[in-house]
PDB file of all heavy atoms in Angstrom:
ATOM      1  N   LYS A   1      12.885  -2.395 -18.540  1.00  0.00           N
ATOM      2  CA  LYS A   1      12.393  -3.233 -17.444  1.00  0.00           C
ATOM      3  C   LYS A   1      12.818  -2.689 -16.089  1.00  0.00           C
ATOM      4  O   LYS A   1      12.028  -2.707 -15.130  1.00  0.00           O
ATOM      5  CB  LYS A   1      12.887  -4.669 -17.626  1.00  0.00           C
ATOM      6  CG  LYS A   1      12.468  -5.567 -16.471  1.00  0.00           C
ATOM      7  CD  LYS A   1      12.837  -7.016 -16.643  1.00  0.00           C
ATOM      8  CE  LYS A   1      12.483  -7.789 -15.379  1.00  0.00           C
ATOM      9  NZ  LYS A   1      12.693  -9.238 -15.519  1.00  0.00           N
ATOM     10  N   GLN A   2      14.039  -2.219 -15.973  1.00  0.00           N
ATOM     11  CA  GLN A   2      14.496  -1.697 -14.688  1.00  0.00           C
ATOM     12  C   GLN A   2      13.660  -0.501 -14.239  1.00  0.00           C
ATOM     13  O   GLN A   2      13.384  -0.344 -13.047  1.00  0.00           O
ATOM     14  CB  GLN A   2      15.983  -1.320 -14.777  1.00  0.00           C
ATOM     15  CG  GLN A   2      16.916  -2.522 -14.841  1.00  0.00           C
ATOM     16  CD  GLN A   2      16.683  -3.499 -13.693  1.00  0.00           C
ATOM     17  OE1 GLN A   2      16.654  -3.107 -12.514  1.00  0.00           O
ATOM     18  NE2 GLN A   2      16.503  -4.770 -14.036  1.00  0.00           N
ATOM     19  N   ASP A   3      13.267   0.342 -15.189  1.00  0.00           N
ATOM     20  CA  ASP A   3      12.392   1.470 -14.843  1.00  0.00           C
ATOM     21  C   ASP A   3      11.046   0.970 -14.307  1.00  0.00           C
ATOM     22  O   ASP A   3      10.488   1.547 -13.367  1.00  0.00           O
ATOM     23  CB  ASP A   3      12.156   2.353 -16.067  1.00  0.00           C
ATOM     24  CG  ASP A   3      13.399   3.108 -16.499  1.00  0.00           C
ATOM     25  OD1 ASP A   3      14.293   3.318 -15.656  1.00  0.00           O
ATOM     26  OD2 ASP A   3      13.479   3.467 -17.684  1.00  0.00           O
ATOM     27  N   ILE A   4      10.526  -0.089 -14.910  1.00  0.00           N
ATOM     28  CA  ILE A   4       9.245  -0.648 -14.464  1.00  0.00           C
ATOM     29  C   ILE A   4       9.388  -1.253 -13.072  1.00  0.00           C
ATOM     30  O   ILE A   4       8.518  -1.077 -12.205  1.00  0.00           O
ATOM     31  CB  ILE A   4       8.742  -1.691 -15.477  1.00  0.00           C
ATOM     32  CG1 ILE A   4       8.266  -0.996 -16.752  1.00  0.00           C
ATOM     33  CG2 ILE A   4       7.610  -2.529 -14.893  1.00  0.00           C
ATOM     34  CD1 ILE A   4       7.061  -0.090 -16.583  1.00  0.00           C
ATOM     35  N   MET A   5      10.487  -1.965 -12.821  1.00  0.00           N
ATOM     36  CA  MET A   5      10.729  -2.536 -11.490  1.00  0.00           C
ATOM     37  C   MET A   5      10.811  -1.412 -10.447  1.00  0.00           C
ATOM     38  O   MET A   5      10.249  -1.520  -9.354  1.00  0.00           O
ATOM     39  CB  MET A   5      12.022  -3.348 -11.505  1.00  0.00           C
ATOM     40  CG  MET A   5      12.061  -4.486 -12.506  1.00  0.00           C
ATOM     41  SD  MET A   5      11.237  -5.991 -11.970  1.00  0.00           S
ATOM     42  CE  MET A   5      12.550  -6.761 -11.019  1.00  0.00           C
ATOM     43  N   LYS A   6      11.507  -0.331 -10.809  1.00  0.00           N
ATOM     44  CA  LYS A   6      11.595   0.807  -9.891  1.00  0.00           C
ATOM     45  C   LYS A   6      10.223   1.427  -9.657  1.00  0.00           C
ATOM     46  O   LYS A   6       9.892   1.829  -8.531  1.00  0.00           O
ATOM     47  CB  LYS A   6      12.544   1.862 -10.457  1.00  0.00           C
ATOM     48  CG  LYS A   6      14.007   1.473 -10.448  1.00  0.00           C
ATOM     49  CD  LYS A   6      14.854   2.565 -11.090  1.00  0.00           C
ATOM     50  CE  LYS A   6      16.317   2.154 -11.186  1.00  0.00           C
ATOM     51  NZ  LYS A   6      17.127   3.198 -11.889  1.00  0.00           N
ATOM     52  N   ALA A   7       9.414   1.524 -10.713  1.00  0.00           N
ATOM     53  CA  ALA A   7       8.091   2.149 -10.590  1.00  0.00           C
ATOM     54  C   ALA A   7       7.213   1.377  -9.610  1.00  0.00           C
ATOM     55  O   ALA A   7       6.455   1.983  -8.834  1.00  0.00           O
ATOM     56  CB  ALA A   7       7.428   2.237 -11.958  1.00  0.00           C
ATOM     57  N   ILE A   8       7.279   0.060  -9.638  1.00  0.00           N
ATOM     58  CA  ILE A   8       6.487  -0.726  -8.686  1.00  0.00           C
ATOM     59  C   ILE A   8       6.896  -0.369  -7.263  1.00  0.00           C
ATOM     60  O   ILE A   8       6.044  -0.107  -6.397  1.00  0.00           O
ATOM     61  CB  ILE A   8       6.671  -2.239  -8.943  1.00  0.00           C
ATOM     62  CG1 ILE A   8       6.173  -2.615 -10.330  1.00  0.00           C
ATOM     63  CG2 ILE A   8       5.931  -3.049  -7.875  1.00  0.00           C
ATOM     64  CD1 ILE A   8       6.467  -4.054 -10.726  1.00  0.00           C
ATOM     65  N   THR A   9       8.197  -0.342  -7.008  1.00  0.00           N
ATOM     66  CA  THR A   9       8.688   0.013  -5.674  1.00  0.00           C
ATOM     67  C   THR A   9       8.289   1.436  -5.309  1.00  0.00           C
ATOM     68  O   THR A   9       7.890   1.724  -4.165  1.00  0.00           O
ATOM     69  CB  THR A   9      10.213  -0.149  -5.610  1.00  0.00           C
ATOM     70  OG1 THR A   9      10.543  -1.521  -5.817  1.00  0.00           O
ATOM     71  CG2 THR A   9      10.763   0.294  -4.270  1.00  0.00           C
ATOM     72  N   GLN A  10       8.377   2.352  -6.268  1.00  0.00           N
ATOM     73  CA  GLN A  10       7.997   3.743  -5.999  1.00  0.00           C
ATOM     74  C   GLN A  10       6.513   3.880  -5.686  1.00  0.00           C
ATOM     75  O   GLN A  10       6.110   4.758  -4.919  1.00  0.00           O
ATOM     76  CB  GLN A  10       8.380   4.605  -7.208  1.00  0.00           C
ATOM     77  CG  GLN A  10       9.880   4.777  -7.376  1.00  0.00           C
ATOM     78  CD  GLN A  10      10.293   5.169  -8.787  1.00  0.00           C
ATOM     79  OE1 GLN A  10       9.487   5.176  -9.720  1.00  0.00           O
ATOM     80  NE2 GLN A  10      11.572   5.476  -8.965  1.00  0.00           N
ATOM     81  N   LEU A  11       5.703   3.006  -6.256  1.00  0.00           N
ATOM     82  CA  LEU A  11       4.263   3.043  -6.003  1.00  0.00           C
ATOM     83  C   LEU A  11       3.889   2.425  -4.662  1.00  0.00           C
ATOM     84  O   LEU A  11       2.972   2.913  -3.986  1.00  0.00           O
ATOM     85  CB  LEU A  11       3.518   2.313  -7.125  1.00  0.00           C
ATOM     86  CG  LEU A  11       3.288   3.081  -8.417  1.00  0.00           C
ATOM     87  CD1 LEU A  11       2.920   2.127  -9.547  1.00  0.00           C
ATOM     88  CD2 LEU A  11       2.182   4.119  -8.235  1.00  0.00           C
ATOM     89  N   ILE A  12       4.570   1.342  -4.274  1.00  0.00           N
ATOM     90  CA  ILE A  12       4.106   0.593  -3.105  1.00  0.00           C
ATOM     91  C   ILE A  12       4.857   0.917  -1.814  1.00  0.00           C
ATOM     92  O   ILE A  12       4.306   0.707  -0.726  1.00  0.00           O
ATOM     93  CB  ILE A  12       4.151  -0.928  -3.358  1.00  0.00           C
ATOM     94  CG1 ILE A  12       5.577  -1.415  -3.584  1.00  0.00           C
ATOM     95  CG2 ILE A  12       3.268  -1.287  -4.541  1.00  0.00           C
ATOM     96  CD1 ILE A  12       5.683  -2.911  -3.837  1.00  0.00           C
ATOM     97  N   THR A  13       6.072   1.448  -1.905  1.00  0.00           N
ATOM     98  CA  THR A  13       6.809   1.737  -0.681  1.00  0.00           C
ATOM     99  C   THR A  13       6.099   2.749   0.216  1.00  0.00           C
ATOM    100  O   THR A  13       6.107   2.589   1.447  1.00  0.00           O
ATOM    101  CB  THR A  13       8.239   2.216  -1.009  1.00  0.00           C
ATOM    102  OG1 THR A  13       8.909   1.189  -1.751  1.00  0.00           O
ATOM    103  CG2 THR A  13       9.017   2.510   0.260  1.00  0.00           C
ATOM    104  N   PRO A  14       5.447   3.804  -0.316  1.00  0.00           N
ATOM    105  CA  PRO A  14       4.727   4.728   0.574  1.00  0.00           C
ATOM    106  C   PRO A  14       3.605   4.068   1.371  1.00  0.00           C
ATOM    107  O   PRO A  14       3.092   4.670   2.322  1.00  0.00           O
ATOM    108  CB  PRO A  14       4.167   5.778  -0.395  1.00  0.00           C
ATOM    109  CG  PRO A  14       5.078   5.746  -1.574  1.00  0.00           C
ATOM    110  CD  PRO A  14       5.462   4.305  -1.715  1.00  0.00           C
ATOM    111  N   LEU A  15       3.219   2.837   1.028  1.00  0.00           N
ATOM    112  CA  LEU A  15       2.149   2.150   1.745  1.00  0.00           C
ATOM    113  C   LEU A  15       2.611   1.553   3.065  1.00  0.00           C
ATOM    114  O   LEU A  15       1.783   1.219   3.922  1.00  0.00           O
ATOM    115  CB  LEU A  15       1.572   1.030   0.862  1.00  0.00           C
ATOM    116  CG  LEU A  15       1.030   1.438  -0.505  1.00  0.00           C
ATOM    117  CD1 LEU A  15       0.658   0.205  -1.323  1.00  0.00           C
ATOM    118  CD2 LEU A  15      -0.168   2.364  -0.357  1.00  0.00           C
ATOM    119  N   GLN A  16       3.902   1.384   3.244  1.00  0.00           N
ATOM    120  CA  GLN A  16       4.451   0.639   4.385  1.00  0.00           C
ATOM    121  C   GLN A  16       3.889   1.093   5.739  1.00  0.00           C
ATOM    122  O   GLN A  16       3.520   0.252   6.573  1.00  0.00           O
ATOM    123  CB  GLN A  16       5.971   0.743   4.378  1.00  0.00           C
ATOM    124  CG  GLN A  16       6.671  -0.148   5.407  1.00  0.00           C
ATOM    125  CD  GLN A  16       6.712  -1.612   4.989  1.00  0.00           C
ATOM    126  OE1 GLN A  16       7.189  -1.947   3.916  1.00  0.00           O
ATOM    127  NE2 GLN A  16       6.215  -2.480   5.835  1.00  0.00           N
ATOM    128  N   PRO A  17       3.776   2.397   6.011  1.00  0.00           N
ATOM    129  CA  PRO A  17       3.289   2.804   7.334  1.00  0.00           C
ATOM    130  C   PRO A  17       1.814   2.488   7.589  1.00  0.00           C
ATOM    131  O   PRO A  17       1.366   2.619   8.741  1.00  0.00           O
ATOM    132  CB  PRO A  17       3.517   4.327   7.338  1.00  0.00           C
ATOM    133  CG  PRO A  17       4.472   4.593   6.232  1.00  0.00           C
ATOM    134  CD  PRO A  17       4.214   3.560   5.206  1.00  0.00           C
ATOM    135  N   TYR A  18       1.084   2.081   6.565  1.00  0.00           N
ATOM    136  CA  TYR A  18      -0.362   1.941   6.708  1.00  0.00           C
ATOM    137  C   TYR A  18      -0.808   0.489   6.903  1.00  0.00           C
ATOM    138  O   TYR A  18      -2.002   0.199   6.901  1.00  0.00           O
ATOM    139  CB  TYR A  18      -1.054   2.553   5.485  1.00  0.00           C
ATOM    140  CG  TYR A  18      -0.753   4.031   5.345  1.00  0.00           C
ATOM    141  CD1 TYR A  18       0.268   4.479   4.506  1.00  0.00           C
ATOM    142  CD2 TYR A  18      -1.456   4.972   6.096  1.00  0.00           C
ATOM    143  CE1 TYR A  18       0.566   5.822   4.392  1.00  0.00           C
ATOM    144  CE2 TYR A  18      -1.164   6.323   5.991  1.00  0.00           C
ATOM    145  CZ  TYR A  18      -0.153   6.743   5.138  1.00  0.00           C
ATOM    146  OH  TYR A  18       0.152   8.087   5.047  1.00  0.00           O
ATOM    147  N   TYR A  19       0.139  -0.420   7.090  1.00  0.00           N
ATOM    148  CA  TYR A  19      -0.220  -1.802   7.405  1.00  0.00           C
ATOM    149  C   TYR A  19      -0.569  -1.914   8.888  1.00  0.00           C
ATOM    150  O   TYR A  19      -0.016  -1.211   9.740  1.00  0.00           O
ATOM    151  CB  TYR A  19       0.930  -2.744   7.044  1.00  0.00           C
ATOM    152  CG  TYR A  19       0.991  -3.064   5.572  1.00  0.00           C
ATOM    153  CD1 TYR A  19       1.671  -2.223   4.696  1.00  0.00           C
ATOM    154  CD2 TYR A  19       0.356  -4.182   5.053  1.00  0.00           C
ATOM    155  CE1 TYR A  19       1.730  -2.496   3.335  1.00  0.00           C
ATOM    156  CE2 TYR A  19       0.399  -4.467   3.694  1.00  0.00           C
ATOM    157  CZ  TYR A  19       1.081  -3.623   2.841  1.00  0.00           C
ATOM    158  OH  TYR A  19       1.125  -3.893   1.496  1.00  0.00           O
ATOM    159  N   SER A  20      -1.495  -2.813   9.175  1.00  0.00           N
ATOM    160  CA  SER A  20      -1.905  -3.052  10.556  1.00  0.00           C
ATOM    161  C   SER A  20      -0.783  -3.719  11.338  1.00  0.00           C
ATOM    162  O   SER A  20       0.232  -4.152  10.759  1.00  0.00           O
ATOM    163  CB  SER A  20      -3.155  -3.932  10.572  1.00  0.00           C
ATOM    164  OG  SER A  20      -2.878  -5.176   9.914  1.00  0.00           O
ATOM    165  N   ALA A  21      -0.965  -3.843  12.631  1.00  0.00           N
ATOM    166  CA  ALA A  21       0.088  -4.405  13.479  1.00  0.00           C
ATOM    167  C   ALA A  21       0.472  -5.809  13.036  1.00  0.00           C
ATOM    168  O   ALA A  21       1.655  -6.176  13.027  1.00  0.00           O
ATOM    169  CB  ALA A  21      -0.373  -4.406  14.937  1.00  0.00           C
ATOM    170  N   GLY A  22      -0.519  -6.607  12.651  1.00  0.00           N
ATOM    171  CA  GLY A  22      -0.258  -7.967  12.199  1.00  0.00           C
ATOM    172  C   GLY A  22       0.021  -8.068  10.720  1.00  0.00           C
ATOM    173  O   GLY A  22       0.173  -9.187  10.198  1.00  0.00           O
ATOM    174  N   LYS A  23       0.062  -6.935  10.031  1.00  0.00           N
ATOM    175  CA  LYS A  23       0.408  -6.820   8.598  1.00  0.00           C
ATOM    176  C   LYS A  23      -0.638  -7.428   7.662  1.00  0.00           C
ATOM    177  O   LYS A  23      -0.388  -7.510   6.452  1.00  0.00           O
ATOM    178  CB  LYS A  23       1.775  -7.460   8.305  1.00  0.00           C
ATOM    179  CG  LYS A  23       2.896  -7.022   9.226  1.00  0.00           C
ATOM    180  CD  LYS A  23       3.067  -5.513   9.250  1.00  0.00           C
ATOM    181  CE  LYS A  23       4.219  -5.104  10.168  1.00  0.00           C
ATOM    182  NZ  LYS A  23       4.337  -3.630  10.311  1.00  0.00           N
ATOM    183  N   ALA A  24      -1.801  -7.835   8.160  1.00  0.00           N
ATOM    184  CA  ALA A  24      -2.815  -8.488   7.319  1.00  0.00           C
ATOM    185  C   ALA A  24      -3.871  -7.515   6.802  1.00  0.00           C
ATOM    186  O   ALA A  24      -4.834  -7.937   6.148  1.00  0.00           O
ATOM    187  CB  ALA A  24      -3.495  -9.617   8.090  1.00  0.00           C
ATOM    188  N   ARG A  25      -3.718  -6.245   7.111  1.00  0.00           N
ATOM    189  CA  ARG A  25      -4.640  -5.224   6.611  1.00  0.00           C
ATOM    190  C   ARG A  25      -3.818  -4.041   6.105  1.00  0.00           C
ATOM    191  O   ARG A  25      -2.778  -3.702   6.681  1.00  0.00           O
ATOM    192  CB  ARG A  25      -5.599  -4.711   7.703  1.00  0.00           C
ATOM    193  CG  ARG A  25      -6.438  -5.764   8.411  1.00  0.00           C
ATOM    194  CD  ARG A  25      -7.535  -6.305   7.528  1.00  0.00           C
ATOM    195  NE  ARG A  25      -8.488  -7.118   8.275  1.00  0.00           N
ATOM    196  CZ  ARG A  25      -8.294  -8.385   8.641  1.00  0.00           C
ATOM    197  NH1 ARG A  25      -7.144  -8.974   8.362  1.00  0.00           N
ATOM    198  NH2 ARG A  25      -9.224  -9.047   9.301  1.00  0.00           N
ATOM    199  N   LEU A  26      -4.305  -3.412   5.049  1.00  0.00           N
ATOM    200  CA  LEU A  26      -3.734  -2.155   4.569  1.00  0.00           C
ATOM    201  C   LEU A  26      -4.825  -1.109   4.722  1.00  0.00           C
ATOM    202  O   LEU A  26      -5.850  -1.170   4.048  1.00  0.00           O
ATOM    203  CB  LEU A  26      -3.287  -2.270   3.115  1.00  0.00           C
ATOM    204  CG  LEU A  26      -2.633  -1.029   2.494  1.00  0.00           C
ATOM    205  CD1 LEU A  26      -1.390  -0.612   3.279  1.00  0.00           C
ATOM    206  CD2 LEU A  26      -2.280  -1.270   1.036  1.00  0.00           C
ATOM    207  N   GLU A  27      -4.623  -0.172   5.629  1.00  0.00           N
ATOM    208  CA  GLU A  27      -5.670   0.771   6.031  1.00  0.00           C
ATOM    209  C   GLU A  27      -5.280   2.168   5.571  1.00  0.00           C
ATOM    210  O   GLU A  27      -4.505   2.867   6.223  1.00  0.00           O
ATOM    211  CB  GLU A  27      -5.864   0.692   7.545  1.00  0.00           C
ATOM    212  CG  GLU A  27      -6.299  -0.715   7.982  1.00  0.00           C
ATOM    213  CD  GLU A  27      -6.148  -0.983   9.469  1.00  0.00           C
ATOM    214  OE1 GLU A  27      -5.369  -0.243  10.125  1.00  0.00           O
ATOM    215  OE2 GLU A  27      -6.798  -1.908   9.972  1.00  0.00           O
ATOM    216  N   LEU A  28      -5.838   2.580   4.426  1.00  0.00           N
ATOM    217  CA  LEU A  28      -5.407   3.804   3.762  1.00  0.00           C
ATOM    218  C   LEU A  28      -6.336   4.987   3.972  1.00  0.00           C
ATOM    219  O   LEU A  28      -6.019   6.092   3.519  1.00  0.00           O
ATOM    220  CB  LEU A  28      -5.254   3.545   2.261  1.00  0.00           C
ATOM    221  CG  LEU A  28      -4.174   2.541   1.871  1.00  0.00           C
ATOM    222  CD1 LEU A  28      -4.173   2.308   0.363  1.00  0.00           C
ATOM    223  CD2 LEU A  28      -2.803   3.023   2.328  1.00  0.00           C
ATOM    224  N   GLY A  29      -7.474   4.796   4.606  1.00  0.00           N
ATOM    225  CA  GLY A  29      -8.395   5.915   4.767  1.00  0.00           C
ATOM    226  C   GLY A  29      -9.644   5.487   5.500  1.00  0.00           C
ATOM    227  O   GLY A  29      -9.787   4.325   5.895  1.00  0.00           O
ATOM    228  N   VAL A  30     -10.558   6.433   5.647  1.00  0.00           N
ATOM    229  CA  VAL A  30     -11.766   6.165   6.433  1.00  0.00           C
ATOM    230  C   VAL A  30     -13.040   6.313   5.608  1.00  0.00           C
ATOM    231  O   VAL A  30     -14.142   6.184   6.153  1.00  0.00           O
ATOM    232  CB  VAL A  30     -11.836   7.098   7.666  1.00  0.00           C
ATOM    233  CG1 VAL A  30     -10.678   6.825   8.608  1.00  0.00           C
ATOM    234  CG2 VAL A  30     -11.839   8.577   7.236  1.00  0.00           C
ATOM    235  N   THR A  31     -12.911   6.573   4.294  1.00  0.00           N
ATOM    236  CA  THR A  31     -14.124   6.663   3.483  1.00  0.00           C
ATOM    237  C   THR A  31     -14.796   5.298   3.418  1.00  0.00           C
ATOM    238  O   THR A  31     -14.149   4.255   3.436  1.00  0.00           O
ATOM    239  CB  THR A  31     -13.810   7.155   2.069  1.00  0.00           C
ATOM    240  OG1 THR A  31     -12.810   6.325   1.488  1.00  0.00           O
ATOM    241  CG2 THR A  31     -13.312   8.590   2.096  1.00  0.00           C
ATOM    242  N   GLY A  32     -16.127   5.312   3.344  1.00  0.00           N
ATOM    243  CA  GLY A  32     -16.897   4.077   3.425  1.00  0.00           C
ATOM    244  C   GLY A  32     -16.911   3.292   2.133  1.00  0.00           C
ATOM    245  O   GLY A  32     -16.644   3.800   1.050  1.00  0.00           O
ATOM    246  N   VAL A  33     -17.255   2.006   2.265  1.00  0.00           N
ATOM    247  CA  VAL A  33     -17.390   1.110   1.123  1.00  0.00           C
ATOM    248  C   VAL A  33     -18.461   0.090   1.480  1.00  0.00           C
ATOM    249  O   VAL A  33     -18.692  -0.194   2.658  1.00  0.00           O
ATOM    250  CB  VAL A  33     -16.036   0.438   0.801  1.00  0.00           C
ATOM    251  CG1 VAL A  33     -15.598  -0.500   1.917  1.00  0.00           C
ATOM    252  CG2 VAL A  33     -16.076  -0.278  -0.531  1.00  0.00           C
ATOM    253  N   GLY A  34     -19.125  -0.460   0.470  1.00  0.00           N
ATOM    254  CA  GLY A  34     -20.287  -1.303   0.707  1.00  0.00           C
ATOM    255  C   GLY A  34     -20.032  -2.498   1.589  1.00  0.00           C
ATOM    256  O   GLY A  34     -20.920  -2.947   2.315  1.00  0.00           O
ATOM    257  N   TYR A  35     -18.809  -3.052   1.581  1.00  0.00           N
ATOM    258  CA  TYR A  35     -18.531  -4.267   2.343  1.00  0.00           C
ATOM    259  C   TYR A  35     -17.815  -3.997   3.661  1.00  0.00           C
ATOM    260  O   TYR A  35     -17.367  -4.922   4.328  1.00  0.00           O
ATOM    261  CB  TYR A  35     -17.723  -5.262   1.495  1.00  0.00           C
ATOM    262  CG  TYR A  35     -16.700  -4.624   0.602  1.00  0.00           C
ATOM    263  CD1 TYR A  35     -15.449  -4.251   1.075  1.00  0.00           C
ATOM    264  CD2 TYR A  35     -16.993  -4.375  -0.727  1.00  0.00           C
ATOM    265  CE1 TYR A  35     -14.523  -3.651   0.257  1.00  0.00           C
ATOM    266  CE2 TYR A  35     -16.065  -3.779  -1.568  1.00  0.00           C
ATOM    267  CZ  TYR A  35     -14.825  -3.420  -1.073  1.00  0.00           C
ATOM    268  OH  TYR A  35     -13.908  -2.823  -1.887  1.00  0.00           O
TER     269      TYR A  35
END
C-alpha cells in the first residue's frame, strides 16, 4: 500500500506548476479537443 500511495504522489506532483492562478484549471497543453 505504501508503494501505491507513493505512486499517486509521484504521478500527480509534476502537475503542480500547470494549475491556473485560481487553481480551478489544469492546463497541460495546447492540443485541441471537441469541447
